[in-house]
Structures are given as C-alpha cells and as structure tokens.
Amino acid sequence: MASTTFPNSSIYTLDSFDMEAGSNQELSFSVTSGSNLVSLNGSTYSWWLAPFGSQTAVVTKTASISGAVTEFTIALTNSDTSSLSGKYVQAYQVVLASGSYLKPGRGLVNILGAIS
C-alpha cells in the first residue's frame, strides 16, 4: 500500500499505519509509564477510531485485562472498517486496577477504500 504523509506533531505518539477498508488488522500496544512497562492485571482499556478532525469515534473496542501482561491487542474485523475510507485518528486509554488513567497519545490511520 502507498504511504500517506500525516502532520508531524508530538500528540501523534502511537504508530501510524495504512490499511484497506474491510480487512482484518491486529494492533498491539505495550503500556509504559516513563520508561517502565506497566502491569495491566485488573485493568480495562478503551480504544477509539475517529475521523481526522472529529472527536466522535466510529469504532470503539473495550475490554478487561487479567494476568501478568504489559501489552494488549485490538482486533479490527471486516465489519469494523468495511464502510470507512480516509484519514482517521486512533487513541486508547487504560484504567489501571489502582484507578489511575493512562492515555499515551494518538496515532494516525489511513484507510484505503476497498477495490472491488
């Protein structure tokens, strides 16, 4: 897929990527505080995908995490993106078992319309 240039800004700290609408995509996130990995046992996460320039998510994923892990994975399925095309922003938030919130930043996603 062709690469798209996105604005260079410090708020976009998550990896940017291109994908085709309606394809399956797996995203993995390691959670850190400073330079230290964070234990996610007992945490919940929310992940959002919104059109660039909008604060309204068109795809949301939320789940609880258990076990001694420092990473979580989002699985985008065909139905999540089949009707999408254009530039989007991804963001996530983790609520730790202690009640603390981690919201590390945003990343840009370019969704290319499926060719049929």
Protein backbone atom coordinates (compact mmCIF):
# COMPACT_ATOMS: atom_id res chain seq x y z
CA MET A 1 0.00 0.00 0.00
CA ALA A 2 1.13 3.54 -0.65
CA SER A 3 2.25 5.56 2.32
CA THR A 4 0.48 8.75 3.37
CA THR A 5 2.21 11.72 4.97
CA PHE A 6 0.50 12.97 8.11
CA PRO A 7 1.10 16.15 10.10
CA ASN A 8 4.18 15.98 12.29
CA SER A 9 3.03 16.66 15.84
CA SER A 10 4.05 15.47 19.29
CA ILE A 11 0.47 14.40 20.08
CA TYR A 12 0.77 11.61 17.49
CA THR A 13 2.87 9.26 19.59
CA LEU A 14 1.24 5.98 18.51
CA ASP A 15 2.42 4.34 15.29
CA SER A 16 0.65 5.46 12.12
CA PHE A 17 -0.36 2.88 9.55
CA ASP A 18 -2.29 2.28 6.33
CA MET A 19 -4.94 -0.41 5.86
CA GLU A 20 -7.57 -1.40 3.33
CA ALA A 21 -11.22 -0.97 4.33
CA GLY A 22 -12.79 -4.26 5.34
CA SER A 23 -9.51 -6.02 6.08
CA ASN A 24 -8.61 -7.62 9.40
CA GLN A 25 -5.93 -5.81 11.37
CA GLU A 26 -4.35 -6.65 14.72
CA LEU A 27 -2.86 -3.81 16.79
CA SER A 28 -0.67 -4.43 19.85
CA PHE A 29 0.12 -1.83 22.48
CA SER A 30 2.79 -2.06 25.17
CA VAL A 31 1.88 0.21 28.06
CA THR A 32 4.60 2.22 29.77
CA SER A 33 4.84 4.90 32.40
CA GLY A 34 8.00 6.82 31.71
CA SER A 35 10.39 4.11 30.53
CA ASN A 36 8.87 1.36 32.71
CA LEU A 37 6.42 -1.28 31.47
CA VAL A 38 3.13 -1.21 33.40
CA SER A 39 1.40 -4.34 34.71
CA LEU A 40 -2.11 -4.43 33.27
CA ASN A 41 -3.56 -7.11 35.57
CA GLY A 42 -7.04 -5.96 36.63
CA SER A 43 -7.08 -3.08 34.14
CA THR A 44 -9.57 -2.13 31.46
CA TYR A 45 -8.85 -0.44 28.16
CA SER A 46 -10.84 1.54 25.65
CA TRP A 47 -9.61 2.10 22.08
CA TRP A 48 -11.22 4.55 19.67
CA LEU A 49 -11.04 5.33 15.98
CA ALA A 50 -12.42 8.70 14.85
CA PRO A 51 -12.34 10.58 11.55
CA PHE A 52 -9.45 13.06 11.43
CA GLY A 53 -10.66 16.36 12.86
CA SER A 54 -13.57 14.77 14.76
CA GLN A 55 -13.82 13.76 18.39
CA THR A 56 -16.60 11.24 17.73
CA ALA A 57 -15.45 7.61 17.48
CA VAL A 58 -16.79 5.44 14.67
CA VAL A 59 -15.15 2.28 16.09
CA THR A 60 -14.75 1.53 19.81
CA LYS A 61 -13.15 -1.50 21.48
CA THR A 62 -13.28 -2.03 25.26
CA ALA A 63 -12.16 -5.00 27.36
CA SER A 64 -10.84 -6.07 30.74
CA ILE A 65 -7.32 -7.40 31.14
CA SER A 66 -6.23 -10.13 33.53
CA GLY A 67 -2.93 -11.85 34.08
CA ALA A 68 0.65 -10.65 34.28
CA VAL A 69 0.77 -8.76 30.99
CA THR A 70 2.15 -5.39 29.93
CA GLU A 71 0.55 -5.40 26.47
CA PHE A 72 -2.91 -5.66 24.97
CA THR A 73 -4.16 -6.35 21.45
CA ILE A 74 -7.02 -4.84 19.46
CA ALA A 75 -8.52 -6.96 16.67
CA LEU A 76 -10.18 -4.97 13.90
CA THR A 77 -12.50 -7.12 11.81
CA ASN A 78 -14.00 -6.70 8.37
CA SER A 79 -17.21 -5.20 9.78
CA ASP A 80 -15.28 -2.56 11.80
CA THR A 81 -13.86 -0.81 8.74
CA SER A 82 -15.74 -2.04 5.65
CA SER A 83 -17.62 1.27 5.24
CA LEU A 84 -14.68 3.54 6.13
CA SER A 85 -12.28 5.43 3.89
CA GLY A 86 -9.92 8.33 4.57
CA LYS A 87 -7.79 9.68 7.38
CA TYR A 88 -8.58 8.64 10.98
CA VAL A 89 -7.11 9.08 14.46
CA GLN A 90 -6.69 6.21 16.91
CA ALA A 91 -6.38 6.68 20.67
CA TYR A 92 -6.63 4.48 23.73
CA GLN A 93 -6.97 4.78 27.47
CA VAL A 94 -6.08 2.25 30.14
CA VAL A 95 -7.67 2.38 33.60
CA LEU A 96 -5.34 0.53 35.94
CA ALA A 97 -6.58 -1.60 38.85
CA SER A 98 -5.46 1.26 41.14
CA GLY A 99 -7.87 3.62 39.37
CA SER A 100 -5.10 5.59 37.62
CA TYR A 101 -5.64 6.53 33.98
CA LEU A 102 -3.04 6.24 31.22
CA LYS A 103 -3.76 7.94 27.90
CA PRO A 104 -0.48 7.90 25.96
CA GLY A 105 -1.41 9.86 22.85
CA ARG A 106 -2.83 9.35 19.40
CA GLY A 107 -1.87 7.79 16.10
CA LEU A 108 -2.95 8.34 12.53
CA VAL A 109 -4.60 5.67 10.39
CA ASN A 110 -5.15 5.91 6.66
CA ILE A 111 -7.97 3.64 5.49
CA LEU A 112 -7.97 2.99 1.77
CA GLY A 113 -11.32 2.18 0.20
CA ALA A 114 -11.58 -1.45 -0.85
CA ILE A 115 -11.26 -2.18 -4.57
CA SER A 116 -13.98 -4.47 -5.83
